[in-house]
Amino acid sequence: MASSGILPTNYYQRYVNGVPMLGRKTLRFRKKCIILLLVMGTFGLIFLGFLFFYPNSNTNSKSIQTAYKRFVFTESFREARSDDGVVINPNLVRHGIVHNVELDPHKIVDKVKLNLKIQEDIQEERIKNYMALENEKARNKPDHDLEVKASYKKKTEEHKNIKSVDHHKHEKISLPLEKKLEGDNRKNDYNEERRNKVREMMKHAWDNYVRYAWGQNELRPISKRGHSAGIFGKTAMGATIVDGLDTLFLMGLKEEYQKGRDWVAKHLNFDQGFSEQFVEISVFETNIRFVGGLLSCFALTGDVMFKDKANKIAQKLLPVFNTPTGIPNAIINLKTGISKNYAWASSSSSILAEIGSLHLEFVYLSEITGNPVYKEKVTKIREVLAKVEKPQGLYPNYLNPKTGKWGQRHVSIGALGDSFYEYLLKAWIQSGGKDQQARQMYDEAIQVVEKKLLQTSKGGLKYFADMRYERLEHKMDHLACFSGGMLALGSQSLPDDHKKHYIELAKDIGNTCHESYQRSATKLGPETFRFIEGVEAKSVKQNEKYYIQRPETVETYFYLWRFTHDPKYRDWGWEVVEAIEKHCRVEGGYTGLKNVYLLDGPKDDVQQSYFLAETLKYLYLLFSDDILLPLDEWVFNTEAHPFPVKHT
């Protein structure tokens, strides 16, 4: 009876004790014959069906298997839906299903090709219409360069510390743009088209930043999302907005400028509640991009909001100067105010380029706010650098802020040293020629750099090598390509013989940097290029072959154009425009390249904030007339943000 615990009781009893429905004694012989015939007939029919309908295994088995699989697939597809009918697994493909044609791979390919063609046609038509509109505006409206100039004239009269230039200079620059440009109307139109193209590039970069990374520091144009480099910590502070704002203003992109201006007014706040681990920022980068960008916008527009924002950020940086020597540290925590140097920088030394690139911003800030503390801080740095003993008359790249002594004997006019020399010259220009100490330090430094570092390759290319403990390293950074522009700028106030010497040297450096571009497959320059046996102006190491949208080469083209008006510098600049458009432009903005020697090489997926602040600005100015930011009235910080020259 154990089974009664398993089978239902009534069923078990019917089977064991019940009367069987087909018992032997209940059937007669005739009935048995009928049943037998029925059984045999059934088997016969099955056998005939087998002969006529069973498929040939060599020809039709696959069809049956396919039909079976299709049936199973359809059933599984039907099950792979949510209750509301939405397909959960989008990778399932059913051909010929009318209500789901989007999943047909053939139709997908056709649709993609069609969309690409449509987008290409739309883009071509958009550019064509945009160029026609800009040309029409240029013919029918006053030139924006003159509007900027007029805005600056009005603003300078309202600020007691920044005086206007002589009246006759204003009469000279108020001439119509067409009369100022050199050459015939055809050349004017040609350069105007180039300038409009650069403006369109700026709009493409800006619009995609707005679309995909608004408020973030930078844009990843391929993955279409925000990006933040370590120099900004891990906090979104709108670096691209602040950095690119004066470029938008200069290009006359008024709606874009206003959107950026409104964001700065409402959201730029270095006092917001950051977490400690997210707020360690670079003092150098914050100064040249944020403080410099805000002060430039104030200088161009007179909008006091920019001045107030710059003042608040600069106040957050002041604790870095609390060292035994007054030499500032490199990094500050915005929440705690604690500062430090990079551990890798020669036993936590301060970096020459960084401590030397605060002067323009802090002096101008003291002048417009009336707060002398900013100027006092950078004056102290100058005093230390002027007094410290210099090995062979050179400035090494590292200085200990505790002892005031040099670190490693590494000298470079490129990375780690570059903008220190630039700011000595530009501080003198900014002061209207009054800061004689800055000019003297610049002249002496450049003379020694030329004597110790300037080299000529076997192919006749001049370059500035690095020096490490009195040994030359025959390489030149892309960063060092700014030096051509600096030498040209510094030559203008020298006696004729010295002026000619340094303008020729500036041309030589510009030519070398141009060669570094021309000798790559993409016609864009690498981060570092070398001069060794069999190699000139080319990279040899994999980690030196990248292009990250740096501006220094086109910066030198800009200065050389302004001082020589040789059209080749505009042509060289246009080569850069074409190369950027061909190799860096993507749907979501502009990307850098990981290897300039590969035509279809990998990309870094970063649109740098300085691409908008510097590279595109210098290219735009290169194709503009000299009345737009004349160099006797404006001086650029190392992020290409223009400050007014103080005239007496």
Foldseek 3Di string as FASTA:
>chain_A
DVCCVPDPPVVVCCVPPNDDPDDPVVDDPVVVVVVVVVVVVVVVVVVVCCVPPPDDCVPCVVVVVVVVVVVVLVVVQQVQADPVGHRNDLQDADPPDVVPVCRDVVVVVVVVVVVVVVVVVVVVVVVVVLLVVVVVCPVPDADLLVVLVVLLQVLQVVAPQFHDDDPVVVVVLVDGQVVQDDDDVVVLVVLVSLLSVLVVQLCLFLVLCCVQPPQAQFFLQPVRHGDDDPQAFQDRQPLLLLLQLVLCSLSVVVVSNVVSVVCCLPPRDLPPDDDQNRAKHFPQCCQCRQLLSLQLCCSRRVPCSSLVSSVVVVVLQVLQLPEQQSQGETIARSVPRDGFHDCPQQNRFHFQLRSLQNQVSQVVSCSRVVPCPSNVSNVSVLVLVVPDDDVQLEDAGTAHRHPSDGGFRKGDCFPRHVCSLVSLQVVCLQQVNPPVSSVVSNVSHVVSQCVQFWDAAPVGQIDGFMDGPSDTFFKHFLRSLLVLLSLQVSLPPDPPVSSVVSPVVSVSSLVLQQVQQVPAPLSDHWRMAGGDVPGGSYDDDQQGFKFFLDARSLNSLLSNCVRPVPCVSLVSLVSVVVSQVQQFDDSSHGWIFSHRRDRPHDTDSINHSLNSNHRSSSNSSSSRRCSNCNPSFWDARPSRRIDGRRDD
